[in-house]
Amino acid sequence: MNFDAELAASVSLLAFAALSFVDGVVLHFFLERLPFRPGSRLEHGLHTARAVLFAPVLLAFFDARASLATGLALLAVDLAFEVWDMLIERQSRAFSGGLRTREYALHGVLVALHTAAVAFTLVARQAPARTPTPLSLAAVTGWLLPGSTLVALAHVVLLAAPTWAAHSRATEAS
C-alpha cells in the first residue's frame, strides 16, 4: 500500500478546519465572548487577521493556485500572528484566570494538525499531478472556502461591533 500524502493533507486540513471552528467560533465568540471584552480586543484582532488570511492560504498553498513561495509567505505571516496570539493570550484572558486546560489542549491539537497539513501538502506538491478526487486538496479547498469566508466576515463584523455599540450608545445619549 502506497502512502497518499494528498489524502493525509486533506484529512489533516479538514480536521484542522473543523476544530478551528470549535475554537474560533464556539469557544471565542459564544463561551468567552472575546469580541466584546475590552481586554481581549487585541486577541480578537489577531484571530480576525488569521481568519481573513485562511482563504488566501487555502488557495495559494493548499490548492496550489499560486507559486510555492507565495503560499509559504502567507503561511509565515499566519505563523507570526499565531505566535503573537500565544504571547498575549494569558493577559487577554485575565478575566477568566487565563486559558482553560481544555483550550490549551485544543490549541496543541490544532498546531499539530496544521503542521501535518502543511508537511503533507509539501510532499503532495512534489508528486506528479493526478486526477482530482473527492478528497483531493483542490476539492477540500473548495469545500472550506465558503465557510472560511463567512467565519472571516463574522470576525471582521465582531471586531467592529464594540465600536458600533459605543457609537450607538453615544448617539442615543445626545
N, C-alpha and C. Protein backbone atom coordinates (compact mmCIF):
# COMPACT_ATOMS: atom_id res chain seq x y z
N MET A 1 0.85 -1.19 0.00
CA MET A 1 0.00 0.00 0.00
C MET A 1 0.89 1.25 0.00
N ASN A 2 0.60 2.16 -0.91
CA ASN A 2 1.37 3.39 -1.01
C ASN A 2 0.80 4.46 -0.10
N PHE A 3 1.68 5.29 0.43
CA PHE A 3 1.27 6.42 1.25
C PHE A 3 0.71 7.51 0.34
N ASP A 4 -0.43 8.04 0.67
CA ASP A 4 -1.07 9.09 -0.12
C ASP A 4 -0.95 10.40 0.65
N ALA A 5 0.08 11.18 0.31
CA ALA A 5 0.34 12.44 1.02
C ALA A 5 -0.80 13.43 0.84
N GLU A 6 -1.41 13.45 -0.35
CA GLU A 6 -2.51 14.39 -0.58
C GLU A 6 -3.71 14.04 0.28
N LEU A 7 -4.03 12.77 0.39
CA LEU A 7 -5.14 12.35 1.25
C LEU A 7 -4.84 12.71 2.71
N ALA A 8 -3.61 12.45 3.15
CA ALA A 8 -3.22 12.80 4.53
C ALA A 8 -3.32 14.31 4.75
N ALA A 9 -2.91 15.09 3.75
CA ALA A 9 -3.01 16.54 3.85
C ALA A 9 -4.47 16.97 3.94
N SER A 10 -5.31 16.38 3.10
CA SER A 10 -6.74 16.73 3.08
C SER A 10 -7.41 16.41 4.41
N VAL A 11 -7.14 15.23 4.93
CA VAL A 11 -7.76 14.83 6.20
C VAL A 11 -7.26 15.73 7.33
N SER A 12 -5.97 16.02 7.35
CA SER A 12 -5.42 16.92 8.37
C SER A 12 -6.03 18.30 8.27
N LEU A 13 -6.17 18.80 7.05
CA LEU A 13 -6.73 20.13 6.83
C LEU A 13 -8.21 20.19 7.24
N LEU A 14 -8.97 19.16 6.89
CA LEU A 14 -10.38 19.11 7.30
C LEU A 14 -10.52 19.07 8.82
N ALA A 15 -9.71 18.25 9.48
CA ALA A 15 -9.76 18.17 10.94
C ALA A 15 -9.36 19.50 11.55
N PHE A 16 -8.32 20.14 10.99
CA PHE A 16 -7.89 21.45 11.48
C PHE A 16 -9.01 22.47 11.34
N ALA A 17 -9.67 22.50 10.19
CA ALA A 17 -10.74 23.47 9.95
C ALA A 17 -11.91 23.24 10.90
N ALA A 18 -12.29 21.98 11.11
CA ALA A 18 -13.42 21.69 12.00
C ALA A 18 -13.11 22.10 13.44
N LEU A 19 -11.93 21.74 13.91
CA LEU A 19 -11.57 22.11 15.29
C LEU A 19 -11.30 23.61 15.43
N SER A 20 -10.83 24.24 14.36
CA SER A 20 -10.65 25.70 14.39
C SER A 20 -11.99 26.40 14.53
N PHE A 21 -13.02 25.86 13.90
CA PHE A 21 -14.37 26.41 14.04
C PHE A 21 -14.82 26.30 15.50
N VAL A 22 -14.59 25.16 16.12
CA VAL A 22 -14.95 24.98 17.53
C VAL A 22 -14.22 26.01 18.38
N ASP A 23 -12.92 26.16 18.15
CA ASP A 23 -12.11 27.09 18.94
C ASP A 23 -12.48 28.54 18.63
N GLY A 24 -12.47 28.89 17.35
CA GLY A 24 -12.61 30.28 16.95
C GLY A 24 -14.01 30.84 17.02
N VAL A 25 -15.01 30.00 16.87
CA VAL A 25 -16.39 30.49 16.89
C VAL A 25 -17.09 30.07 18.18
N VAL A 26 -17.13 28.79 18.45
CA VAL A 26 -17.87 28.31 19.63
C VAL A 26 -17.22 28.84 20.92
N LEU A 27 -15.93 28.58 21.09
CA LEU A 27 -15.28 29.00 22.34
C LEU A 27 -15.08 30.51 22.41
N HIS A 28 -14.49 31.10 21.37
CA HIS A 28 -14.15 32.52 21.44
C HIS A 28 -15.36 33.43 21.37
N PHE A 29 -16.30 33.15 20.47
CA PHE A 29 -17.45 34.03 20.31
C PHE A 29 -18.50 33.80 21.39
N PHE A 30 -18.93 32.56 21.52
CA PHE A 30 -20.09 32.27 22.36
C PHE A 30 -19.77 32.02 23.83
N LEU A 31 -18.73 31.29 24.12
CA LEU A 31 -18.43 31.00 25.52
C LEU A 31 -17.60 32.10 26.18
N GLU A 32 -16.53 32.52 25.53
CA GLU A 32 -15.65 33.53 26.12
C GLU A 32 -16.07 34.96 25.79
N ARG A 33 -16.83 35.14 24.72
CA ARG A 33 -17.30 36.46 24.26
C ARG A 33 -16.14 37.44 24.07
N LEU A 34 -15.05 36.95 23.51
CA LEU A 34 -13.84 37.76 23.34
C LEU A 34 -14.05 39.05 22.57
N PRO A 35 -14.86 39.06 21.50
CA PRO A 35 -15.01 40.32 20.76
C PRO A 35 -15.61 41.45 21.59
N PHE A 36 -16.26 41.11 22.69
CA PHE A 36 -16.95 42.13 23.48
C PHE A 36 -16.23 42.46 24.78
N ARG A 37 -15.05 41.94 24.97
CA ARG A 37 -14.26 42.22 26.17
C ARG A 37 -13.13 43.16 25.80
N PRO A 38 -13.12 44.37 26.37
CA PRO A 38 -12.08 45.33 26.01
C PRO A 38 -10.66 44.78 26.19
N GLY A 39 -10.43 43.99 27.21
CA GLY A 39 -9.10 43.43 27.45
C GLY A 39 -8.70 42.34 26.46
N SER A 40 -9.66 41.87 25.67
CA SER A 40 -9.38 40.81 24.70
C SER A 40 -9.41 41.32 23.26
N ARG A 41 -9.47 42.62 23.11
CA ARG A 41 -9.60 43.22 21.78
C ARG A 41 -8.43 42.86 20.86
N LEU A 42 -7.20 42.94 21.38
CA LEU A 42 -6.04 42.59 20.56
C LEU A 42 -6.09 41.12 20.16
N GLU A 43 -6.44 40.25 21.11
CA GLU A 43 -6.53 38.83 20.78
C GLU A 43 -7.56 38.59 19.68
N HIS A 44 -8.72 39.23 19.81
CA HIS A 44 -9.74 39.06 18.76
C HIS A 44 -9.24 39.64 17.43
N GLY A 45 -8.50 40.74 17.48
CA GLY A 45 -7.93 41.30 16.26
C GLY A 45 -6.96 40.33 15.58
N LEU A 46 -6.15 39.63 16.38
CA LEU A 46 -5.23 38.63 15.82
C LEU A 46 -6.00 37.44 15.25
N HIS A 47 -7.06 37.03 15.95
CA HIS A 47 -7.90 35.95 15.42
C HIS A 47 -8.53 36.39 14.10
N THR A 48 -8.94 37.65 14.02
CA THR A 48 -9.54 38.18 12.80
C THR A 48 -8.53 38.15 11.66
N ALA A 49 -7.31 38.58 11.94
CA ALA A 49 -6.27 38.57 10.91
C ALA A 49 -6.04 37.15 10.39
N ARG A 50 -5.99 36.18 11.28
CA ARG A 50 -5.78 34.79 10.87
C ARG A 50 -6.99 34.26 10.10
N ALA A 51 -8.18 34.64 10.52
CA ALA A 51 -9.39 34.19 9.80
C ALA A 51 -9.42 34.76 8.39
N VAL A 52 -9.05 36.02 8.25
CA VAL A 52 -9.02 36.67 6.93
C VAL A 52 -7.93 36.04 6.04
N LEU A 53 -6.83 35.64 6.63
CA LEU A 53 -5.74 35.02 5.87
C LEU A 53 -6.04 33.59 5.43
N PHE A 54 -6.98 32.92 6.09
CA PHE A 54 -7.18 31.50 5.84
C PHE A 54 -7.57 31.20 4.38
N ALA A 55 -8.49 31.96 3.81
CA ALA A 55 -8.89 31.70 2.42
C ALA A 55 -7.71 31.89 1.45
N PRO A 56 -6.94 32.98 1.55
CA PRO A 56 -5.77 33.08 0.67
C PRO A 56 -4.75 31.95 0.88
N VAL A 57 -4.59 31.51 2.12
CA VAL A 57 -3.68 30.38 2.37
C VAL A 57 -4.23 29.12 1.71
N LEU A 58 -5.53 28.91 1.82
CA LEU A 58 -6.14 27.75 1.16
C LEU A 58 -5.83 27.76 -0.33
N LEU A 59 -6.05 28.89 -0.97
CA LEU A 59 -5.86 28.99 -2.41
C LEU A 59 -4.39 28.97 -2.81
N ALA A 60 -3.57 29.70 -2.10
CA ALA A 60 -2.17 29.83 -2.50
C ALA A 60 -1.32 28.62 -2.14
N PHE A 61 -1.60 28.02 -1.00
CA PHE A 61 -0.74 26.91 -0.57
C PHE A 61 -1.40 25.55 -0.75
N PHE A 62 -2.55 25.36 -0.14
CA PHE A 62 -3.15 24.03 -0.15
C PHE A 62 -3.70 23.63 -1.52
N ASP A 63 -4.27 24.59 -2.25
CA ASP A 63 -4.79 24.28 -3.57
C ASP A 63 -3.78 24.62 -4.66
N ALA A 64 -2.66 25.17 -4.26
CA ALA A 64 -1.54 25.46 -5.18
C ALA A 64 -1.94 26.34 -6.35
N ARG A 65 -2.81 27.31 -6.11
CA ARG A 65 -3.18 28.23 -7.19
C ARG A 65 -2.17 29.36 -7.36
N ALA A 66 -1.18 29.39 -6.51
CA ALA A 66 -0.12 30.39 -6.61
C ALA A 66 1.21 29.66 -6.50
N SER A 67 2.28 30.41 -6.62
CA SER A 67 3.59 29.79 -6.50
C SER A 67 3.80 29.30 -5.06
N LEU A 68 4.68 28.35 -4.92
CA LEU A 68 5.01 27.83 -3.59
C LEU A 68 5.53 28.96 -2.70
N ALA A 69 6.31 29.86 -3.27
CA ALA A 69 6.85 30.97 -2.49
C ALA A 69 5.73 31.84 -1.92
N THR A 70 4.70 32.10 -2.71
CA THR A 70 3.57 32.90 -2.24
C THR A 70 2.85 32.17 -1.11
N GLY A 71 2.59 30.89 -1.30
CA GLY A 71 1.93 30.10 -0.26
C GLY A 71 2.73 30.08 1.03
N LEU A 72 4.04 29.89 0.92
CA LEU A 72 4.88 29.86 2.12
C LEU A 72 4.95 31.24 2.79
N ALA A 73 4.96 32.29 1.99
CA ALA A 73 4.96 33.64 2.56
C ALA A 73 3.69 33.89 3.37
N LEU A 74 2.55 33.49 2.82
CA LEU A 74 1.28 33.65 3.55
C LEU A 74 1.27 32.80 4.83
N LEU A 75 1.82 31.60 4.75
CA LEU A 75 1.91 30.76 5.95
C LEU A 75 2.82 31.40 7.00
N ALA A 76 3.89 32.06 6.57
CA ALA A 76 4.79 32.73 7.51
C ALA A 76 4.08 33.88 8.22
N VAL A 77 3.28 34.64 7.48
CA VAL A 77 2.51 35.73 8.10
C VAL A 77 1.51 35.15 9.09
N ASP A 78 0.84 34.07 8.72
CA ASP A 78 -0.11 33.41 9.62
C ASP A 78 0.60 32.94 10.88
N LEU A 79 1.78 32.36 10.73
CA LEU A 79 2.55 31.89 11.89
C LEU A 79 2.93 33.04 12.81
N ALA A 80 3.29 34.17 12.23
CA ALA A 80 3.63 35.34 13.05
C ALA A 80 2.43 35.78 13.89
N PHE A 81 1.25 35.81 13.28
CA PHE A 81 0.04 36.16 14.04
C PHE A 81 -0.26 35.11 15.10
N GLU A 82 -0.03 33.84 14.79
CA GLU A 82 -0.27 32.77 15.76
C GLU A 82 0.65 32.90 16.98
N VAL A 83 1.92 33.17 16.74
CA VAL A 83 2.86 33.33 17.86
C VAL A 83 2.49 34.56 18.68
N TRP A 84 2.16 35.66 18.03
CA TRP A 84 1.76 36.88 18.73
C TRP A 84 0.53 36.58 19.60
N ASP A 85 -0.42 35.86 19.05
CA ASP A 85 -1.63 35.48 19.79
C ASP A 85 -1.26 34.69 21.05
N MET A 86 -0.36 33.73 20.91
CA MET A 86 0.06 32.93 22.07
C MET A 86 0.73 33.80 23.13
N LEU A 87 1.47 34.80 22.69
CA LEU A 87 2.19 35.66 23.64
C LEU A 87 1.25 36.54 24.46
N ILE A 88 0.10 36.89 23.91
CA ILE A 88 -0.79 37.82 24.63
C ILE A 88 -2.00 37.13 25.26
N GLU A 89 -2.18 35.83 25.01
CA GLU A 89 -3.39 35.16 25.49
C GLU A 89 -3.54 35.18 27.01
N ARG A 90 -2.48 34.98 27.74
CA ARG A 90 -2.59 34.95 29.21
C ARG A 90 -3.15 36.28 29.72
N GLN A 91 -2.62 37.38 29.22
CA GLN A 91 -3.10 38.70 29.64
C GLN A 91 -4.51 38.95 29.12
N SER A 92 -4.77 38.55 27.90
CA SER A 92 -6.08 38.77 27.29
C SER A 92 -7.18 38.02 28.04
N ARG A 93 -6.84 36.89 28.60
CA ARG A 93 -7.83 36.07 29.30
C ARG A 93 -7.76 36.25 30.81
N ALA A 94 -7.19 37.33 31.27
CA ALA A 94 -7.09 37.58 32.73
C ALA A 94 -8.46 37.55 33.39
N PHE A 95 -9.50 37.95 32.67
CA PHE A 95 -10.85 37.97 33.24
C PHE A 95 -11.31 36.59 33.69
N SER A 96 -10.75 35.53 33.09
CA SER A 96 -11.16 34.17 33.46
C SER A 96 -10.02 33.36 34.06
N GLY A 97 -8.93 34.03 34.43
CA GLY A 97 -7.79 33.33 35.00
C GLY A 97 -6.90 32.68 33.97
N GLY A 98 -7.00 33.09 32.72
CA GLY A 98 -6.17 32.53 31.65
C GLY A 98 -6.91 31.45 30.88
N LEU A 99 -6.20 30.86 29.94
CA LEU A 99 -6.81 29.79 29.14
C LEU A 99 -7.13 28.60 30.01
N ARG A 100 -8.24 27.98 29.73
CA ARG A 100 -8.60 26.74 30.42
C ARG A 100 -7.75 25.60 29.86
N THR A 101 -7.54 24.57 30.66
CA THR A 101 -6.71 23.45 30.25
C THR A 101 -7.20 22.82 28.95
N ARG A 102 -8.50 22.66 28.80
CA ARG A 102 -9.04 22.06 27.58
C ARG A 102 -8.72 22.90 26.34
N GLU A 103 -8.74 24.22 26.50
CA GLU A 103 -8.44 25.07 25.35
C GLU A 103 -6.95 24.99 25.01
N TYR A 104 -6.08 24.91 26.03
CA TYR A 104 -4.65 24.68 25.76
C TYR A 104 -4.46 23.39 24.98
N ALA A 105 -5.14 22.33 25.41
CA ALA A 105 -5.03 21.04 24.73
C ALA A 105 -5.55 21.16 23.29
N LEU A 106 -6.67 21.84 23.11
CA LEU A 106 -7.21 22.04 21.77
C LEU A 106 -6.22 22.79 20.89
N HIS A 107 -5.58 23.82 21.44
CA HIS A 107 -4.59 24.57 20.67
C HIS A 107 -3.41 23.67 20.27
N GLY A 108 -3.00 22.79 21.16
CA GLY A 108 -1.92 21.85 20.83
C GLY A 108 -2.31 20.94 19.67
N VAL A 109 -3.53 20.43 19.71
CA VAL A 109 -4.02 19.58 18.62
C VAL A 109 -4.11 20.39 17.32
N LEU A 110 -4.57 21.63 17.41
CA LEU A 110 -4.67 22.48 16.21
C LEU A 110 -3.30 22.74 15.59
N VAL A 111 -2.30 23.02 16.42
CA VAL A 111 -0.95 23.25 15.89
C VAL A 111 -0.44 21.98 15.21
N ALA A 112 -0.67 20.82 15.83
CA ALA A 112 -0.22 19.55 15.24
C ALA A 112 -0.93 19.29 13.91
N LEU A 113 -2.24 19.49 13.85
CA LEU A 113 -2.98 19.26 12.60
C LEU A 113 -2.55 20.23 11.50
N HIS A 114 -2.35 21.48 11.86
CA HIS A 114 -1.93 22.49 10.88
C HIS A 114 -0.55 22.13 10.34
N THR A 115 0.36 21.76 11.24
CA THR A 115 1.71 21.38 10.83
C THR A 115 1.67 20.14 9.94
N ALA A 116 0.85 19.16 10.30
CA ALA A 116 0.72 17.95 9.48
C ALA A 116 0.17 18.30 8.10
N ALA A 117 -0.86 19.14 8.04
CA ALA A 117 -1.44 19.53 6.76
C ALA A 117 -0.40 20.22 5.87
N VAL A 118 0.40 21.10 6.46
CA VAL A 118 1.44 21.79 5.70
C VAL A 118 2.50 20.79 5.21
N ALA A 119 2.97 19.93 6.11
CA ALA A 119 4.02 18.98 5.74
C ALA A 119 3.53 18.01 4.66
N PHE A 120 2.34 17.46 4.84
CA PHE A 120 1.81 16.53 3.84
C PHE A 120 1.57 17.23 2.50
N THR A 121 1.15 18.50 2.55
CA THR A 121 0.94 19.25 1.31
C THR A 121 2.26 19.47 0.58
N LEU A 122 3.32 19.77 1.33
CA LEU A 122 4.62 19.95 0.68
C LEU A 122 5.06 18.66 -0.02
N VAL A 123 4.81 17.53 0.60
CA VAL A 123 5.13 16.25 -0.03
C VAL A 123 4.24 16.04 -1.25
N ALA A 124 2.93 16.29 -1.10
CA ALA A 124 1.98 16.08 -2.20
C ALA A 124 2.29 16.97 -3.40
N ARG A 125 2.77 18.18 -3.14
CA ARG A 125 3.07 19.10 -4.24
C ARG A 125 4.25 18.62 -5.09
N GLN A 126 5.05 17.72 -4.53
CA GLN A 126 6.20 17.18 -5.27
C GLN A 126 5.80 15.98 -6.14
N ALA A 127 4.62 15.41 -5.87
CA ALA A 127 4.16 14.23 -6.61
C ALA A 127 3.61 14.67 -7.97
N PRO A 128 3.59 13.75 -8.92
CA PRO A 128 3.01 14.09 -10.23
C PRO A 128 1.53 14.45 -10.08
N ALA A 129 1.07 15.34 -10.94
CA ALA A 129 -0.34 15.74 -10.93
C ALA A 129 -1.21 14.52 -11.18
N ARG A 130 -2.38 14.51 -10.56
CA ARG A 130 -3.29 13.39 -10.76
C ARG A 130 -4.71 13.91 -10.87
N THR A 131 -5.60 13.04 -11.23
CA THR A 131 -7.00 13.41 -11.39
C THR A 131 -7.58 13.76 -10.01
N PRO A 132 -8.25 14.91 -9.89
CA PRO A 132 -8.84 15.26 -8.59
C PRO A 132 -9.84 14.21 -8.13
N THR A 133 -9.86 13.98 -6.85
CA THR A 133 -10.80 13.06 -6.22
C THR A 133 -11.65 13.84 -5.23
N PRO A 134 -12.69 13.23 -4.67
CA PRO A 134 -13.50 13.96 -3.68
C PRO A 134 -12.69 14.43 -2.46
N LEU A 135 -11.55 13.80 -2.19
CA LEU A 135 -10.73 14.23 -1.06
C LEU A 135 -9.39 14.83 -1.50
N SER A 136 -9.32 15.30 -2.74
CA SER A 136 -8.10 15.98 -3.17
C SER A 136 -8.04 17.34 -2.49
N LEU A 137 -6.86 17.90 -2.45
CA LEU A 137 -6.72 19.23 -1.82
C LEU A 137 -7.55 20.28 -2.54
N ALA A 138 -7.66 20.17 -3.86
CA ALA A 138 -8.49 21.13 -4.61
C ALA A 138 -9.95 21.02 -4.18
N ALA A 139 -10.44 19.80 -4.01
CA ALA A 139 -11.84 19.61 -3.59
C ALA A 139 -12.05 20.10 -2.16
N VAL A 140 -11.16 19.75 -1.27
CA VAL A 140 -11.28 20.16 0.14
C VAL A 140 -11.22 21.68 0.25
N THR A 141 -10.34 22.29 -0.52
CA THR A 141 -10.26 23.76 -0.53
C THR A 141 -11.59 24.35 -0.98
N GLY A 142 -12.17 23.78 -2.00
CA GLY A 142 -13.47 24.25 -2.47
C GLY A 142 -14.55 24.12 -1.41
N TRP A 143 -14.52 23.07 -0.62
CA TRP A 143 -15.50 22.91 0.47
C TRP A 143 -15.27 23.93 1.56
N LEU A 144 -14.00 24.21 1.87
CA LEU A 144 -13.69 25.08 3.01
C LEU A 144 -13.80 26.57 2.70
N LEU A 145 -13.65 26.96 1.45
CA LEU A 145 -13.66 28.39 1.11
C LEU A 145 -14.93 29.13 1.54
N PRO A 146 -16.13 28.64 1.24
CA PRO A 146 -17.32 29.41 1.64
C PRO A 146 -17.43 29.58 3.16
N GLY A 147 -17.22 28.52 3.90
CA GLY A 147 -17.32 28.61 5.36
C GLY A 147 -16.23 29.48 5.95
N SER A 148 -15.01 29.35 5.43
CA SER A 148 -13.92 30.16 5.97
C SER A 148 -14.14 31.64 5.67
N THR A 149 -14.76 31.93 4.53
CA THR A 149 -15.07 33.32 4.18
C THR A 149 -16.12 33.88 5.13
N LEU A 150 -17.14 33.09 5.45
CA LEU A 150 -18.17 33.54 6.40
C LEU A 150 -17.60 33.73 7.80
N VAL A 151 -16.73 32.84 8.23
CA VAL A 151 -16.10 32.98 9.55
C VAL A 151 -15.24 34.24 9.58
N ALA A 152 -14.49 34.50 8.51
CA ALA A 152 -13.68 35.72 8.44
C ALA A 152 -14.56 36.96 8.51
N LEU A 153 -15.66 36.94 7.77
CA LEU A 153 -16.60 38.07 7.79
C LEU A 153 -17.17 38.28 9.20
N ALA A 154 -17.54 37.20 9.87
CA ALA A 154 -18.05 37.32 11.25
C ALA A 154 -17.00 37.93 12.16
N HIS A 155 -15.74 37.52 12.01
CA HIS A 155 -14.66 38.10 12.82
C HIS A 155 -14.54 39.60 12.58
N VAL A 156 -14.58 40.00 11.31
CA VAL A 156 -14.45 41.42 10.97
C VAL A 156 -15.62 42.21 11.55
N VAL A 157 -16.83 41.71 11.39
CA VAL A 157 -18.02 42.39 11.91
C VAL A 157 -17.92 42.52 13.43
N LEU A 158 -17.52 41.43 14.09
CA LEU A 158 -17.43 41.48 15.55
C LEU A 158 -16.26 42.33 16.03
N LEU A 159 -15.24 42.50 15.21
CA LEU A 159 -14.15 43.40 15.58
C LEU A 159 -14.66 44.84 15.61
N ALA A 160 -15.59 45.15 14.70
CA ALA A 160 -16.17 46.49 14.64
C ALA A 160 -17.36 46.65 15.59
N ALA A 161 -17.98 45.55 16.03
CA ALA A 161 -19.21 45.62 16.83
C ALA A 161 -19.09 46.46 18.09
N PRO A 162 -18.04 46.30 18.90
CA PRO A 162 -17.97 47.15 20.10
C PRO A 162 -17.92 48.64 19.75
N THR A 163 -17.26 48.97 18.64
CA THR A 163 -17.20 50.36 18.20
C THR A 163 -18.60 50.83 17.81
N TRP A 164 -19.34 49.98 17.09
CA TRP A 164 -20.71 50.34 16.71
C TRP A 164 -21.58 50.52 17.94
N ALA A 165 -21.43 49.61 18.90
CA ALA A 165 -22.25 49.68 20.11
C ALA A 165 -21.95 50.96 20.89
N ALA A 166 -20.67 51.31 21.01
CA ALA A 166 -20.29 52.54 21.72
C ALA A 166 -20.83 53.76 20.99
N HIS A 167 -20.73 53.77 19.67
CA HIS A 167 -21.23 54.89 18.87
C HIS A 167 -22.75 54.99 19.03
N SER A 168 -23.41 53.86 19.03
CA SER A 168 -24.86 53.82 19.16
C SER A 168 -25.30 54.39 20.52
N ARG A 169 -24.58 53.98 21.59
CA ARG A 169 -24.90 54.50 22.94
C ARG A 169 -24.65 56.00 23.01
N ALA A 170 -23.56 56.46 22.40
CA ALA A 170 -23.24 57.90 22.41
C ALA A 170 -24.30 58.68 21.64
N THR A 171 -24.76 58.14 20.52
CA THR A 171 -25.79 58.80 19.71
C THR A 171 -27.10 58.87 20.48
N GLU A 172 -27.46 57.79 21.16
CA GLU A 172 -28.69 57.76 21.93
C GLU A 172 -28.65 58.74 23.10
N ALA A 173 -27.47 58.92 23.70
CA ALA A 173 -27.33 59.81 24.86
C ALA A 173 -27.42 61.28 24.46
N SER A 174 -27.09 61.59 23.19
CA SER A 174 -27.12 63.00 22.81
C SER A 174 -28.43 63.47 22.29
